[in-house]
C-alpha atoms as a PDB file:
ATOM      1  CA  UNK A   1     -41.868 -48.370  10.464  1.00  0.00           C
ATOM      2  CA  UNK A   2     -43.193 -51.810  11.306  1.00  0.00           C
ATOM      3  CA  UNK A   3     -45.125 -52.750   8.150  1.00  0.00           C
ATOM      4  CA  UNK A   4     -45.011 -56.370   9.297  1.00  0.00           C
ATOM      5  CA  UNK A   5     -47.619 -55.296  11.863  1.00  0.00           C
ATOM      6  CA  UNK A   6     -50.025 -54.507   9.053  1.00  0.00           C
ATOM      7  CA  UNK A   7     -49.773 -58.042   7.677  1.00  0.00           C
ATOM      8  CA  UNK A   8     -50.326 -59.646  11.059  1.00  0.00           C
ATOM      9  CA  UNK A   9     -53.113 -57.357  12.284  1.00  0.00           C
ATOM     10  CA  UNK A  10     -54.871 -56.089   9.148  1.00  0.00           C
ATOM     11  CA  UNK A  11     -58.399 -56.041  10.626  1.00  0.00           C
ATOM     12  CA  UNK A  12     -57.321 -53.930  13.584  1.00  0.00           C
ATOM     13  CA  UNK A  13     -55.198 -51.611  11.432  1.00  0.00           C
ATOM     14  CA  UNK A  14     -57.957 -51.089   8.860  1.00  0.00           C
ATOM     15  CA  UNK A  15     -60.468 -50.352  11.638  1.00  0.00           C
ATOM     16  CA  UNK A  16     -58.102 -47.683  13.018  1.00  0.00           C
ATOM     17  CA  UNK A  17     -57.698 -46.188   9.549  1.00  0.00           C
ATOM     18  CA  UNK A  18     -61.467 -45.980   9.153  1.00  0.00           C
ATOM     19  CA  UNK A  19     -61.707 -44.176  12.508  1.00  0.00           C
ATOM     20  CA  UNK A  20     -59.014 -41.678  11.520  1.00  0.00           C
ATOM     21  CA  UNK A  21     -60.211 -41.187   7.934  1.00  0.00           C
ATOM     22  CA  UNK A  22     -63.954 -41.787   7.887  1.00  0.00           C
ATOM     23  CA  UNK A  23     -64.014 -41.151   4.121  1.00  0.00           C
ATOM     24  CA  UNK A  24     -62.337 -44.535   3.582  1.00  0.00           C
ATOM     25  CA  UNK A  25     -64.709 -47.440   3.020  1.00  0.00           C
ATOM     26  CA  UNK A  26     -64.289 -51.087   3.947  1.00  0.00           C
ATOM     27  CA  UNK A  27     -64.245 -51.977   0.254  1.00  0.00           C
ATOM     28  CA  UNK A  28     -61.450 -49.477  -0.427  1.00  0.00           C
ATOM     29  CA  UNK A  29     -59.372 -50.846   2.432  1.00  0.00           C
ATOM     30  CA  UNK A  30     -59.900 -54.399   1.205  1.00  0.00           C
ATOM     31  CA  UNK A  31     -58.883 -53.309  -2.308  1.00  0.00           C
ATOM     32  CA  UNK A  32     -55.559 -51.745  -1.217  1.00  0.00           C
ATOM     33  CA  UNK A  33     -54.933 -54.808   0.987  1.00  0.00           C
ATOM     34  CA  UNK A  34     -51.864 -53.887   3.044  1.00  0.00           C
ATOM     35  CA  UNK A  35     -50.017 -52.118   0.203  1.00  0.00           C
ATOM     36  CA  UNK A  36     -48.436 -48.962   1.595  1.00  0.00           C
ATOM     37  CA  UNK A  37     -48.305 -47.101  -1.705  1.00  0.00           C
ATOM     38  CA  UNK A  38     -51.936 -47.908  -2.445  1.00  0.00           C
ATOM     39  CA  UNK A  39     -52.947 -46.900   1.107  1.00  0.00           C
ATOM     40  CA  UNK A  40     -51.196 -43.545   0.805  1.00  0.00           C
ATOM     41  CA  UNK A  41     -52.782 -42.942  -2.608  1.00  0.00           C
ATOM     42  CA  UNK A  42     -56.256 -43.830  -1.293  1.00  0.00           C
ATOM     43  CA  UNK A  43     -55.909 -41.546   1.748  1.00  0.00           C
ATOM     44  CA  UNK A  44     -54.700 -38.787  -0.587  1.00  0.00           C
ATOM     45  CA  UNK A  45     -57.642 -39.291  -2.962  1.00  0.00           C
ATOM     46  CA  UNK A  46     -60.320 -39.518  -0.283  1.00  0.00           C
ATOM     47  CA  UNK A  47     -59.115 -36.799   2.109  1.00  0.00           C
ATOM     48  CA  UNK A  48     -57.378 -34.264  -0.132  1.00  0.00           C
ATOM     49  CA  UNK A  49     -54.168 -34.457   1.924  1.00  0.00           C
ATOM     50  CA  UNK A  50     -50.973 -34.225  -0.105  1.00  0.00           C
ATOM     51  CA  UNK A  51     -49.178 -37.557  -0.475  1.00  0.00           C
ATOM     52  CA  UNK A  52     -46.314 -36.706   1.899  1.00  0.00           C
ATOM     53  CA  UNK A  53     -48.738 -35.677   4.644  1.00  0.00           C
ATOM     54  CA  UNK A  54     -50.870 -38.770   4.045  1.00  0.00           C
ATOM     55  CA  UNK A  55     -47.793 -41.005   4.284  1.00  0.00           C
ATOM     56  CA  UNK A  56     -46.553 -39.317   7.480  1.00  0.00           C
ATOM     57  CA  UNK A  57     -49.989 -39.629   9.085  1.00  0.00           C
ATOM     58  CA  UNK A  58     -50.267 -43.284   8.046  1.00  0.00           C
ATOM     59  CA  UNK A  59     -46.784 -44.017   9.424  1.00  0.00           C
ATOM     60  CA  UNK A  60     -47.683 -42.273  12.688  1.00  0.00           C
ATOM     61  CA  UNK A  61     -50.948 -44.214  12.967  1.00  0.00           C
ATOM     62  CA  UNK A  62     -49.203 -47.565  12.445  1.00  0.00           C
ATOM     63  CA  UNK A  63     -46.327 -46.644  14.771  1.00  0.00           C
ATOM     64  CA  UNK A  64     -48.825 -45.704  17.476  1.00  0.00           C
ATOM     65  CA  UNK A  65     -50.657 -49.000  17.072  1.00  0.00           C
ATOM     66  CA  UNK A  66     -47.406 -50.962  17.166  1.00  0.00           C
ATOM     67  CA  UNK A  67     -46.238 -49.112  20.272  1.00  0.00           C
ATOM     68  CA  UNK A  68     -49.516 -49.688  22.041  1.00  0.00           C
ATOM     69  CA  UNK A  69     -50.504 -53.253  21.324  1.00  0.00           C
ATOM     70  CA  UNK A  70     -49.991 -54.850  17.904  1.00  0.00           C
ATOM     71  CA  UNK A  71     -48.013 -58.070  17.716  1.00  0.00           C
ATOM     72  CA  UNK A  72     -44.868 -57.804  15.667  1.00  0.00           C
ATOM     73  CA  UNK A  73     -42.645 -60.825  15.158  1.00  0.00           C
ATOM     74  CA  UNK A  74     -39.018 -59.939  15.715  1.00  0.00           C
ATOM     75  CA  UNK A  75     -36.331 -61.841  13.819  1.00  0.00           C
ATOM     76  CA  UNK A  76     -34.046 -64.116  15.785  1.00  0.00           C
ATOM     77  CA  UNK A  77     -30.558 -62.723  16.229  1.00  0.00           C
ATOM     78  CA  UNK A  78     -28.286 -65.291  14.547  1.00  0.00           C
ATOM     79  CA  UNK A  79     -25.338 -64.176  16.695  1.00  0.00           C
ATOM     80  CA  UNK A  80     -27.035 -65.454  19.861  1.00  0.00           C
ATOM     81  CA  UNK A  81     -26.731 -69.211  20.131  1.00  0.00           C
ATOM     82  CA  UNK A  82     -27.749 -71.435  22.985  1.00  0.00           C
ATOM     83  CA  UNK A  83     -25.822 -74.695  23.356  1.00  0.00           C
ATOM     84  CA  UNK A  84     -27.748 -77.959  23.479  1.00  0.00           C
ATOM     85  CA  UNK A  85     -28.812 -79.076  26.936  1.00  0.00           C
ATOM     86  CA  UNK A  86     -25.858 -80.291  28.980  1.00  0.00           C
ATOM     87  CA  UNK A  87     -23.229 -78.756  26.709  1.00  0.00           C
ATOM     88  CA  UNK A  88     -20.631 -76.483  28.216  1.00  0.00           C
ATOM     89  CA  UNK A  89     -19.807 -73.142  26.706  1.00  0.00           C
ATOM     90  CA  UNK A  90     -16.178 -72.856  25.742  1.00  0.00           C
ATOM     91  CA  UNK A  91     -14.365 -69.624  26.392  1.00  0.00           C
ATOM     92  CA  UNK A  92     -11.693 -68.116  24.163  1.00  0.00           C
ATOM     93  CA  UNK A  93      -8.415 -69.905  23.893  1.00  0.00           C
END
């Protein structure tokens, strides 16, 4: 689950949550402010879904947004190093 996507794209994510769960208000989404536990609890309270179902649906919503178009920063792989310009890579031995 890419929760980093929530931090980067909160307005878009909260708008999608309001479309899925119309019982959620803008004020409620601002109050929970990107906190997964608080989001699950709020969806549970406002929709009557059990917490596990609310969490699965929230995860699916975020995963769908990430897969379609949210920007997620990926960490740099420290094992991949590029030599400075003009330097030659040395092989084993």
